[in-house]
Amino acid sequence: MDIKEKINELVEKIKNDKNLASKFAKDPIGTVENLIGIDLPNEQLEPIVEGIKAKINLDSIGDVLGNLGGLFGKK
């Protein structure tokens, strides 16, 4: 399993499902564990959770910056 591909897959699932996003915000490790369907120790899941959080934050920043371009007549 390629970890980057799995993180990207999970990010898309979480971003596209408000209920899942809410669950992830409340219990990120439990949510990821349910999504991947494998019971892993928290120490192994924590880097995946951090990767997902980072990717979601980067995507959100990109959306905000893209919208700012509209303020200056650029798109």
N, C-alpha and C. Protein backbone atom coordinates (compact mmCIF):
# COMPACT_ATOMS: atom_id res chain seq x y z
N MET A 1 0.85 -1.18 0.00
CA MET A 1 0.00 0.00 0.00
C MET A 1 0.89 1.24 0.00
N ASP A 2 0.69 2.12 -0.97
CA ASP A 2 1.42 3.38 -1.04
C ASP A 2 0.75 4.37 -0.09
N ILE A 3 1.49 4.84 0.89
CA ILE A 3 0.92 5.70 1.93
C ILE A 3 0.41 7.02 1.37
N LYS A 4 1.14 7.60 0.41
CA LYS A 4 0.69 8.88 -0.16
C LYS A 4 -0.63 8.71 -0.90
N GLU A 5 -0.77 7.63 -1.65
CA GLU A 5 -2.01 7.37 -2.36
C GLU A 5 -3.16 7.17 -1.38
N LYS A 6 -2.90 6.44 -0.30
CA LYS A 6 -3.94 6.18 0.70
C LYS A 6 -4.35 7.48 1.38
N ILE A 7 -3.39 8.33 1.71
CA ILE A 7 -3.71 9.61 2.34
C ILE A 7 -4.56 10.45 1.39
N ASN A 8 -4.18 10.53 0.13
CA ASN A 8 -4.96 11.30 -0.85
C ASN A 8 -6.37 10.75 -0.98
N GLU A 9 -6.50 9.43 -0.98
CA GLU A 9 -7.82 8.80 -1.07
C GLU A 9 -8.68 9.15 0.14
N LEU A 10 -8.08 9.07 1.33
CA LEU A 10 -8.82 9.39 2.55
C LEU A 10 -9.18 10.86 2.62
N VAL A 11 -8.28 11.73 2.18
CA VAL A 11 -8.56 13.17 2.16
C VAL A 11 -9.79 13.45 1.31
N GLU A 12 -9.85 12.85 0.12
CA GLU A 12 -10.99 13.07 -0.77
C GLU A 12 -12.29 12.59 -0.13
N LYS A 13 -12.25 11.43 0.51
CA LYS A 13 -13.44 10.90 1.18
C LYS A 13 -13.90 11.84 2.29
N ILE A 14 -12.96 12.30 3.09
CA ILE A 14 -13.30 13.17 4.22
C ILE A 14 -13.81 14.52 3.74
N LYS A 15 -13.15 15.10 2.73
CA LYS A 15 -13.56 16.42 2.24
C LYS A 15 -14.94 16.38 1.57
N ASN A 16 -15.31 15.25 0.99
CA ASN A 16 -16.56 15.16 0.24
C ASN A 16 -17.74 14.65 1.06
N ASP A 17 -17.53 14.38 2.33
CA ASP A 17 -18.60 13.86 3.18
C ASP A 17 -18.59 14.63 4.50
N LYS A 18 -19.58 15.51 4.68
CA LYS A 18 -19.60 16.36 5.88
C LYS A 18 -19.70 15.55 7.16
N ASN A 19 -20.47 14.45 7.14
CA ASN A 19 -20.57 13.60 8.33
C ASN A 19 -19.23 12.97 8.66
N LEU A 20 -18.55 12.50 7.64
CA LEU A 20 -17.24 11.90 7.83
C LEU A 20 -16.23 12.95 8.32
N ALA A 21 -16.31 14.15 7.78
CA ALA A 21 -15.43 15.23 8.22
C ALA A 21 -15.65 15.55 9.69
N SER A 22 -16.91 15.54 10.10
CA SER A 22 -17.25 15.79 11.50
C SER A 22 -16.69 14.69 12.40
N LYS A 23 -16.83 13.44 11.97
CA LYS A 23 -16.28 12.32 12.74
C LYS A 23 -14.76 12.42 12.82
N PHE A 24 -14.14 12.79 11.70
CA PHE A 24 -12.68 12.92 11.67
C PHE A 24 -12.23 14.02 12.63
N ALA A 25 -12.97 15.12 12.69
CA ALA A 25 -12.60 16.22 13.59
C ALA A 25 -12.69 15.78 15.05
N LYS A 26 -13.67 14.94 15.37
CA LYS A 26 -13.86 14.49 16.75
C LYS A 26 -12.94 13.34 17.14
N ASP A 27 -12.75 12.40 16.22
CA ASP A 27 -11.96 11.20 16.50
C ASP A 27 -11.17 10.80 15.26
N PRO A 28 -10.09 11.51 14.97
CA PRO A 28 -9.37 11.25 13.72
C PRO A 28 -8.80 9.84 13.61
N ILE A 29 -8.24 9.32 14.68
CA ILE A 29 -7.65 7.99 14.62
C ILE A 29 -8.71 6.92 14.42
N GLY A 30 -9.80 7.01 15.16
CA GLY A 30 -10.89 6.05 15.01
C GLY A 30 -11.51 6.11 13.62
N THR A 31 -11.65 7.31 13.08
CA THR A 31 -12.22 7.47 11.75
C THR A 31 -11.32 6.87 10.68
N VAL A 32 -10.04 7.13 10.76
CA VAL A 32 -9.09 6.57 9.79
C VAL A 32 -9.07 5.05 9.91
N GLU A 33 -9.07 4.55 11.11
CA GLU A 33 -9.07 3.11 11.31
C GLU A 33 -10.30 2.46 10.67
N ASN A 34 -11.45 3.09 10.83
CA ASN A 34 -12.68 2.58 10.20
C ASN A 34 -12.59 2.65 8.68
N LEU A 35 -12.03 3.74 8.16
CA LEU A 35 -11.95 3.91 6.71
C LEU A 35 -11.02 2.90 6.04
N ILE A 36 -9.90 2.62 6.69
CA ILE A 36 -8.96 1.69 6.07
C ILE A 36 -9.33 0.24 6.37
N GLY A 37 -10.17 0.03 7.38
CA GLY A 37 -10.64 -1.31 7.69
C GLY A 37 -9.60 -2.22 8.31
N ILE A 38 -8.56 -1.63 8.86
CA ILE A 38 -7.50 -2.42 9.49
C ILE A 38 -7.28 -1.88 10.90
N ASP A 39 -7.23 -2.77 11.86
CA ASP A 39 -6.98 -2.38 13.24
C ASP A 39 -5.47 -2.27 13.45
N LEU A 40 -4.99 -1.05 13.54
CA LEU A 40 -3.56 -0.80 13.73
C LEU A 40 -3.34 -0.07 15.04
N PRO A 41 -2.15 -0.20 15.61
CA PRO A 41 -1.84 0.58 16.82
C PRO A 41 -1.87 2.08 16.51
N ASN A 42 -2.26 2.86 17.49
CA ASN A 42 -2.35 4.31 17.31
C ASN A 42 -1.03 4.92 16.83
N GLU A 43 0.09 4.34 17.26
CA GLU A 43 1.39 4.87 16.85
C GLU A 43 1.58 4.79 15.34
N GLN A 44 0.97 3.79 14.71
CA GLN A 44 1.08 3.65 13.26
C GLN A 44 0.06 4.52 12.54
N LEU A 45 -1.06 4.81 13.19
CA LEU A 45 -2.10 5.63 12.57
C LEU A 45 -1.82 7.13 12.69
N GLU A 46 -1.10 7.53 13.72
CA GLU A 46 -0.87 8.96 13.95
C GLU A 46 -0.19 9.66 12.77
N PRO A 47 0.84 9.07 12.14
CA PRO A 47 1.43 9.76 10.97
C PRO A 47 0.45 9.88 9.81
N ILE A 48 -0.42 8.90 9.65
CA ILE A 48 -1.43 8.97 8.58
C ILE A 48 -2.41 10.09 8.88
N VAL A 49 -2.85 10.18 10.12
CA VAL A 49 -3.78 11.23 10.53
C VAL A 49 -3.15 12.60 10.32
N GLU A 50 -1.89 12.75 10.71
CA GLU A 50 -1.20 14.03 10.54
C GLU A 50 -1.06 14.38 9.06
N GLY A 51 -0.79 13.38 8.23
CA GLY A 51 -0.72 13.61 6.79
C GLY A 51 -2.04 14.06 6.21
N ILE A 52 -3.12 13.46 6.68
CA ILE A 52 -4.46 13.85 6.21
C ILE A 52 -4.77 15.28 6.64
N LYS A 53 -4.50 15.59 7.90
CA LYS A 53 -4.75 16.96 8.40
C LYS A 53 -3.95 17.98 7.59
N ALA A 54 -2.69 17.68 7.33
CA ALA A 54 -1.83 18.61 6.57
C ALA A 54 -2.37 18.80 5.16
N LYS A 55 -2.76 17.72 4.52
CA LYS A 55 -3.28 17.80 3.14
C LYS A 55 -4.58 18.59 3.10
N ILE A 56 -5.47 18.36 4.05
CA ILE A 56 -6.74 19.10 4.10
C ILE A 56 -6.46 20.58 4.31
N ASN A 57 -5.52 20.91 5.20
CA ASN A 57 -5.18 22.31 5.45
C ASN A 57 -4.56 22.96 4.22
N LEU A 58 -3.68 22.26 3.52
CA LEU A 58 -3.08 22.81 2.30
C LEU A 58 -4.12 23.04 1.23
N ASP A 59 -5.05 22.11 1.08
CA ASP A 59 -6.11 22.26 0.10
C ASP A 59 -7.00 23.45 0.44
N SER A 60 -7.28 23.64 1.74
CA SER A 60 -8.10 24.76 2.17
C SER A 60 -7.40 26.09 1.91
N ILE A 61 -6.11 26.13 2.17
CA ILE A 61 -5.34 27.35 1.91
C ILE A 61 -5.34 27.66 0.42
N GLY A 62 -5.18 26.63 -0.41
CA GLY A 62 -5.20 26.82 -1.86
C GLY A 62 -6.52 27.37 -2.34
N ASP A 63 -7.63 26.90 -1.75
CA ASP A 63 -8.95 27.41 -2.11
C ASP A 63 -9.08 28.88 -1.75
N VAL A 64 -8.60 29.24 -0.56
CA VAL A 64 -8.67 30.63 -0.11
C VAL A 64 -7.83 31.52 -1.02
N LEU A 65 -6.63 31.09 -1.33
CA LEU A 65 -5.76 31.89 -2.19
C LEU A 65 -6.36 32.02 -3.59
N GLY A 66 -6.97 30.96 -4.08
CA GLY A 66 -7.63 31.03 -5.39
C GLY A 66 -8.75 32.04 -5.39
N ASN A 67 -9.50 32.09 -4.30
CA ASN A 67 -10.59 33.05 -4.19
C ASN A 67 -10.08 34.47 -4.05
N LEU A 68 -8.93 34.65 -3.46
CA LEU A 68 -8.35 36.00 -3.33
C LEU A 68 -7.98 36.57 -4.69
N GLY A 69 -7.61 35.69 -5.62
CA GLY A 69 -7.27 36.14 -6.96
C GLY A 69 -8.46 36.87 -7.61
N GLY A 70 -9.65 36.46 -7.26
CA GLY A 70 -10.86 37.11 -7.78
C GLY A 70 -10.99 38.55 -7.31
N LEU A 71 -10.42 38.85 -6.16
CA LEU A 71 -10.47 40.21 -5.64
C LEU A 71 -9.66 41.18 -6.51
N PHE A 72 -8.66 40.65 -7.17
CA PHE A 72 -7.79 41.49 -7.98
C PHE A 72 -8.05 41.32 -9.48
N GLY A 73 -9.18 40.70 -9.81
CA GLY A 73 -9.55 40.53 -11.20
C GLY A 73 -8.82 39.41 -11.89
N LYS A 74 -8.19 38.54 -11.12
CA LYS A 74 -7.47 37.39 -11.69
C LYS A 74 -8.17 36.11 -11.30
N LYS A 75 -8.12 35.16 -12.20
CA LYS A 75 -8.68 33.84 -11.89
C LYS A 75 -7.83 32.79 -12.48
